[in-house]
Amino acid sequence: MKNNIKHTMDKFDKFNQSKNKFSLTLSLIVMIIYYIFIFCVGMFPEVLGYKIGPSSITLGIISGISIIIISIATTGIYAYVTNKHFDRKQNEILEEMQQCGIISDGKLTNPDYTKERK
């Protein structure tokens, strides 16, 4: 029984690590793009001021709109992956935890389970 509990808790930890890693990766992508844009505004304002064609649209405006689109896209990717994969996996792990007696009614039955693994 102890071995089964340890296996389930390890599975839960790996799940949390992968979910956190995924969300951190998407956040870092957006942050890096944003900070590169801010760096370019500070260091190369004339480049971002280039007009595209005969209109008054500049490279800076296109870059800003691109950052917004990338942010929306990464949010959509996160929502899709979470709804499609993470939620299903989380429900499977929670069911397994209930079967092992680790949780009951959504609450940890014995707080020592987390201490025992360390």
C-alpha atoms as a PDB file:
ATOM      1  CA  MET A   1       0.000   0.000   0.000  1.00  0.00           C
ATOM      2  CA  LYS A   2       2.810   2.400   0.908  1.00  0.00           C
ATOM      3  CA  ASN A   3       4.498   1.739  -2.423  1.00  0.00           C
ATOM      4  CA  ASN A   4       1.253   2.503  -4.284  1.00  0.00           C
ATOM      5  CA  ILE A   5       0.837   5.776  -2.379  1.00  0.00           C
ATOM      6  CA  LYS A   6       4.431   6.769  -3.142  1.00  0.00           C
ATOM      7  CA  HIS A   7       3.919   5.941  -6.834  1.00  0.00           C
ATOM      8  CA  THR A   8       0.723   8.022  -6.969  1.00  0.00           C
ATOM      9  CA  MET A   9       2.322  10.977  -5.190  1.00  0.00           C
ATOM     10  CA  ASP A  10       5.331  10.807  -7.527  1.00  0.00           C
ATOM     11  CA  LYS A  11       2.948  10.789 -10.475  1.00  0.00           C
ATOM     12  CA  PHE A  12       1.198  13.844  -9.033  1.00  0.00           C
ATOM     13  CA  ASP A  13       4.531  15.649  -8.598  1.00  0.00           C
ATOM     14  CA  LYS A  14       5.613  14.898 -12.166  1.00  0.00           C
ATOM     15  CA  PHE A  15       2.258  16.145 -13.428  1.00  0.00           C
ATOM     16  CA  ASN A  16       2.613  19.410 -11.496  1.00  0.00           C
ATOM     17  CA  GLN A  17       6.166  19.868 -12.729  1.00  0.00           C
ATOM     18  CA  SER A  18       5.188  19.373 -16.366  1.00  0.00           C
ATOM     19  CA  LYS A  19       2.205  21.731 -16.052  1.00  0.00           C
ATOM     20  CA  ASN A  20       4.347  24.399 -14.377  1.00  0.00           C
ATOM     21  CA  LYS A  21       7.121  23.967 -16.931  1.00  0.00           C
ATOM     22  CA  PHE A  22       4.669  24.380 -19.805  1.00  0.00           C
ATOM     23  CA  SER A  23       3.081  27.544 -18.402  1.00  0.00           C
ATOM     24  CA  LEU A  24       6.482  28.994 -17.492  1.00  0.00           C
ATOM     25  CA  THR A  25       7.765  28.349 -21.020  1.00  0.00           C
ATOM     26  CA  LEU A  26       4.843  30.172 -22.617  1.00  0.00           C
ATOM     27  CA  SER A  27       5.195  33.055 -20.145  1.00  0.00           C
ATOM     28  CA  LEU A  28       8.905  33.360 -20.862  1.00  0.00           C
ATOM     29  CA  ILE A  29       8.280  33.429 -24.608  1.00  0.00           C
ATOM     30  CA  VAL A  30       5.915  36.386 -24.241  1.00  0.00           C
ATOM     31  CA  MET A  31       8.171  38.178 -21.738  1.00  0.00           C
ATOM     32  CA  ILE A  32      11.288  37.790 -23.888  1.00  0.00           C
ATOM     33  CA  ILE A  33       9.493  39.109 -26.976  1.00  0.00           C
ATOM     34  CA  TYR A  34       8.094  42.032 -24.985  1.00  0.00           C
ATOM     35  CA  TYR A  35      11.466  42.944 -23.453  1.00  0.00           C
ATOM     36  CA  ILE A  36      13.183  42.713 -26.839  1.00  0.00           C
ATOM     37  CA  PHE A  37      10.576  45.161 -28.146  1.00  0.00           C
ATOM     38  CA  ILE A  38      11.143  47.537 -25.215  1.00  0.00           C
ATOM     39  CA  PHE A  39      14.907  47.237 -25.709  1.00  0.00           C
ATOM     40  CA  CYS A  40      14.500  48.135 -29.386  1.00  0.00           C
ATOM     41  CA  VAL A  41      12.316  51.130 -28.471  1.00  0.00           C
ATOM     42  CA  GLY A  42      15.062  52.389 -26.185  1.00  0.00           C
ATOM     43  CA  MET A  43      18.075  51.595 -28.337  1.00  0.00           C
ATOM     44  CA  PHE A  44      16.802  51.850 -31.918  1.00  0.00           C
ATOM     45  CA  PRO A  45      13.796  54.191 -31.999  1.00  0.00           C
ATOM     46  CA  GLU A  46      14.572  55.254 -35.554  1.00  0.00           C
ATOM     47  CA  VAL A  47      14.222  51.654 -36.794  1.00  0.00           C
ATOM     48  CA  LEU A  48      10.790  51.308 -35.207  1.00  0.00           C
ATOM     49  CA  GLY A  49       9.852  54.674 -36.705  1.00  0.00           C
ATOM     50  CA  TYR A  50      10.338  53.487 -40.294  1.00  0.00           C
ATOM     51  CA  LYS A  51       7.162  53.975 -42.277  1.00  0.00           C
ATOM     52  CA  ILE A  52       5.899  50.998 -44.191  1.00  0.00           C
ATOM     53  CA  GLY A  53       5.004  52.137 -47.673  1.00  0.00           C
ATOM     54  CA  PRO A  54       3.279  55.461 -48.255  1.00  0.00           C
ATOM     55  CA  SER A  55       1.010  55.073 -45.190  1.00  0.00           C
ATOM     56  CA  SER A  56       1.590  56.332 -41.681  1.00  0.00           C
ATOM     57  CA  ILE A  57       1.960  52.809 -40.276  1.00  0.00           C
ATOM     58  CA  THR A  58       5.388  52.255 -38.806  1.00  0.00           C
ATOM     59  CA  LEU A  59       7.451  49.193 -38.001  1.00  0.00           C
ATOM     60  CA  GLY A  60       6.818  49.936 -34.307  1.00  0.00           C
ATOM     61  CA  ILE A  61       3.054  49.696 -34.751  1.00  0.00           C
ATOM     62  CA  ILE A  62       3.384  46.397 -36.609  1.00  0.00           C
ATOM     63  CA  SER A  63       5.706  45.092 -33.895  1.00  0.00           C
ATOM     64  CA  GLY A  64       3.304  46.135 -31.132  1.00  0.00           C
ATOM     65  CA  ILE A  65       0.347  44.491 -32.841  1.00  0.00           C
ATOM     66  CA  SER A  66       2.449  41.357 -33.378  1.00  0.00           C
ATOM     67  CA  ILE A  67       3.221  41.181 -29.659  1.00  0.00           C
ATOM     68  CA  ILE A  68      -0.490  41.427 -28.848  1.00  0.00           C
ATOM     69  CA  ILE A  69      -1.291  38.658 -31.356  1.00  0.00           C
ATOM     70  CA  ILE A  70       1.487  36.439 -29.965  1.00  0.00           C
ATOM     71  CA  SER A  71       0.178  37.008 -26.429  1.00  0.00           C
ATOM     72  CA  ILE A  72      -3.345  36.040 -27.462  1.00  0.00           C
ATOM     73  CA  ALA A  73      -2.012  33.003 -29.338  1.00  0.00           C
ATOM     74  CA  THR A  74       0.017  31.747 -26.365  1.00  0.00           C
ATOM     75  CA  THR A  75      -3.024  32.189 -24.124  1.00  0.00           C
ATOM     76  CA  GLY A  76      -5.068  30.153 -26.598  1.00  0.00           C
ATOM     77  CA  ILE A  77      -2.387  27.469 -26.763  1.00  0.00           C
ATOM     78  CA  TYR A  78      -2.307  27.274 -22.968  1.00  0.00           C
ATOM     79  CA  ALA A  79      -6.101  27.028 -22.720  1.00  0.00           C
ATOM     80  CA  TYR A  80      -6.250  24.349 -25.427  1.00  0.00           C
ATOM     81  CA  VAL A  81      -3.493  22.186 -23.947  1.00  0.00           C
ATOM     82  CA  THR A  82      -4.869  22.582 -20.423  1.00  0.00           C
ATOM     83  CA  ASN A  83      -8.409  21.666 -21.434  1.00  0.00           C
ATOM     84  CA  LYS A  84      -7.377  18.855 -23.762  1.00  0.00           C
ATOM     85  CA  HIS A  85      -4.565  17.188 -21.808  1.00  0.00           C
ATOM     86  CA  PHE A  86      -3.859  18.555 -18.343  1.00  0.00           C
ATOM     87  CA  ASP A  87      -7.439  18.476 -17.042  1.00  0.00           C
ATOM     88  CA  ARG A  88      -7.909  14.857 -18.108  1.00  0.00           C
ATOM     89  CA  LYS A  89      -4.584  13.810 -16.592  1.00  0.00           C
ATOM     90  CA  GLN A  90      -5.356  15.728 -13.387  1.00  0.00           C
ATOM     91  CA  ASN A  91      -8.719  13.972 -13.020  1.00  0.00           C
ATOM     92  CA  GLU A  92      -7.048  10.579 -13.525  1.00  0.00           C
ATOM     93  CA  ILE A  93      -4.458  11.334 -10.849  1.00  0.00           C
ATOM     94  CA  LEU A  94      -7.082  12.654  -8.415  1.00  0.00           C
ATOM     95  CA  GLU A  95      -9.153   9.485  -8.884  1.00  0.00           C
ATOM     96  CA  GLU A  96      -6.077   7.393  -8.237  1.00  0.00           C
ATOM     97  CA  MET A  97      -5.341   9.454  -5.116  1.00  0.00           C
ATOM     98  CA  GLN A  98      -8.883   8.850  -3.863  1.00  0.00           C
ATOM     99  CA  GLN A  99      -8.556   5.116  -4.479  1.00  0.00           C
ATOM    100  CA  CYS A 100      -5.311   5.065  -2.482  1.00  0.00           C
ATOM    101  CA  GLY A 101      -6.928   7.031   0.334  1.00  0.00           C
ATOM    102  CA  ILE A 102      -4.629  10.036  -0.052  1.00  0.00           C
ATOM    103  CA  ILE A 103      -7.542  12.419  -0.523  1.00  0.00           C
ATOM    104  CA  SER A 104     -11.174  12.295   0.436  1.00  0.00           C
ATOM    105  CA  ASP A 105     -13.780  14.852  -0.645  1.00  0.00           C
ATOM    106  CA  GLY A 106     -11.013  16.902  -2.259  1.00  0.00           C
ATOM    107  CA  LYS A 107      -9.002  17.195   0.971  1.00  0.00           C
ATOM    108  CA  LEU A 108      -5.745  15.568   1.982  1.00  0.00           C
ATOM    109  CA  THR A 109      -6.590  12.816   4.477  1.00  0.00           C
ATOM    110  CA  ASN A 110      -3.130  12.637   6.017  1.00  0.00           C
ATOM    111  CA  PRO A 111      -0.779  15.631   5.739  1.00  0.00           C
ATOM    112  CA  ASP A 112       2.119  13.307   6.520  1.00  0.00           C
ATOM    113  CA  TYR A 113       1.933  11.924   2.961  1.00  0.00           C
ATOM    114  CA  THR A 114       3.736  15.010   1.709  1.00  0.00           C
ATOM    115  CA  LYS A 115       6.291  14.884   4.541  1.00  0.00           C
ATOM    116  CA  GLU A 116       7.012  11.160   4.087  1.00  0.00           C
ATOM    117  CA  ARG A 117       8.224  11.634   0.520  1.00  0.00           C
ATOM    118  CA  LYS A 118      10.852  14.235   1.341  1.00  0.00           C
END
